């Protein structure tokens, strides 16, 4: 099996931020073990979609869905895999990002 570090970009997530609903984006890194780049992308996206801490915050209506996409991916050594999943880095939509 191969190991991958996948950077995911979430966009258009309506969440309660500091007491009021706002559209937020985020970056999050997920580490996956699989056989191909395509499978790594799918697994990382699924991992974020199933993240309970994120799902409990989403306020989007069905006609206004948030979006996820892979923003970066690299194959790594198994020794470079983080021992626990890194957290989400949120930004307000419309803010300048790095």
Protein backbone atom coordinates (compact mmCIF):
# COMPACT_ATOMS: atom_id res chain seq x y z
CA UNK A 1 0.00 0.00 0.00
CA UNK A 2 1.03 3.57 -0.68
CA UNK A 3 0.62 6.53 1.70
CA UNK A 4 -0.65 9.97 0.70
CA UNK A 5 -1.03 13.39 2.30
CA UNK A 6 -4.10 15.08 0.81
CA UNK A 7 -4.96 18.77 1.28
CA UNK A 8 -8.71 19.34 1.04
CA UNK A 9 -10.37 22.69 0.38
CA UNK A 10 -13.92 23.12 1.66
CA UNK A 11 -15.93 26.04 0.30
CA UNK A 12 -19.36 27.56 0.91
CA UNK A 13 -19.94 25.99 4.33
CA UNK A 14 -22.63 27.92 6.19
CA UNK A 15 -21.84 27.64 9.90
CA UNK A 16 -22.44 29.59 13.09
CA UNK A 17 -19.29 31.65 13.47
CA UNK A 18 -19.05 33.89 16.52
CA UNK A 19 -22.80 33.88 17.01
CA UNK A 20 -24.03 34.41 13.48
CA UNK A 21 -24.34 32.26 10.34
CA UNK A 22 -21.55 32.91 7.85
CA UNK A 23 -20.22 31.22 4.76
CA UNK A 24 -16.83 29.80 5.60
CA UNK A 25 -14.16 27.87 3.81
CA UNK A 26 -11.47 25.67 5.28
CA UNK A 27 -8.35 23.69 4.59
CA UNK A 28 -7.72 20.33 6.20
CA UNK A 29 -5.11 17.64 5.62
CA UNK A 30 -5.95 13.97 5.64
CA UNK A 31 -3.57 11.01 5.44
CA UNK A 32 -4.74 7.94 3.55
CA UNK A 33 -3.34 4.53 2.71
CA UNK A 34 -4.38 3.07 -0.65
CA UNK A 35 -3.15 1.93 -4.05
CA UNK A 36 -3.66 4.96 -6.33
CA UNK A 37 -3.89 8.74 -6.50
CA UNK A 38 -7.55 8.52 -7.56
CA UNK A 39 -8.39 6.33 -4.59
CA UNK A 40 -6.48 8.69 -2.27
CA UNK A 41 -8.58 11.63 -3.48
CA UNK A 42 -11.84 9.71 -2.96
CA UNK A 43 -10.87 8.43 0.49
CA UNK A 44 -9.74 11.84 1.74
CA UNK A 45 -12.94 13.54 0.51
CA UNK A 46 -15.06 10.79 2.11
CA UNK A 47 -13.13 11.14 5.37
CA UNK A 48 -13.93 14.88 5.51
CA UNK A 49 -17.56 14.34 4.47
CA UNK A 50 -17.98 11.87 7.33
CA UNK A 51 -16.26 14.03 9.95
CA UNK A 52 -18.80 14.30 12.79
CA UNK A 53 -17.37 17.57 14.15
CA UNK A 54 -17.82 19.25 10.75
CA UNK A 55 -21.19 17.71 9.90
CA UNK A 56 -22.73 18.92 13.16
CA UNK A 57 -21.91 22.55 12.25
CA UNK A 58 -23.25 22.70 8.66
CA UNK A 59 -26.33 24.91 8.22
CA UNK A 60 -26.58 24.81 4.41
CA UNK A 61 -29.98 24.16 2.83
CA UNK A 62 -30.24 21.31 0.30
CA UNK A 63 -30.44 23.77 -2.61
CA UNK A 64 -27.24 25.53 -1.37
CA UNK A 65 -24.68 22.73 -0.87
CA UNK A 66 -21.09 23.20 0.30
CA UNK A 67 -18.22 21.97 -1.86
CA UNK A 68 -15.08 19.91 -1.28
CA UNK A 69 -12.12 19.48 -3.58
CA UNK A 70 -8.56 18.23 -3.46
CA UNK A 71 -6.17 21.19 -3.42
CA UNK A 72 -2.95 19.22 -3.10
CA UNK A 73 -1.77 15.63 -2.92
CA UNK A 74 1.60 13.98 -2.44
CA UNK A 75 2.82 10.48 -1.88
CA UNK A 76 4.72 10.18 1.38
CA UNK A 77 6.56 7.62 3.47
CA UNK A 78 4.53 5.77 6.08
CA UNK A 79 6.80 7.42 8.64
CA UNK A 80 5.48 10.86 7.62
CA UNK A 81 1.85 10.01 8.47
CA UNK A 82 0.52 12.10 11.37
CA UNK A 83 -0.50 10.06 14.43
CA UNK A 84 -3.89 11.82 14.55
CA UNK A 85 -5.86 13.80 11.94
CA UNK A 86 -4.93 17.51 11.82
CA UNK A 87 -7.72 20.01 12.53
CA UNK A 88 -9.62 22.35 10.24
CA UNK A 89 -8.29 25.81 9.37
CA UNK A 90 -11.31 28.03 8.69
CA UNK A 91 -11.48 31.34 6.82
CA UNK A 92 -14.43 33.58 6.08
CA UNK A 93 -15.37 33.48 2.41
CA UNK A 94 -14.13 36.57 0.64
CA UNK A 95 -11.06 36.87 2.89
CA UNK A 96 -7.66 36.75 1.30
CA UNK A 97 -6.05 33.38 1.71
CA UNK A 98 -2.35 32.60 1.71
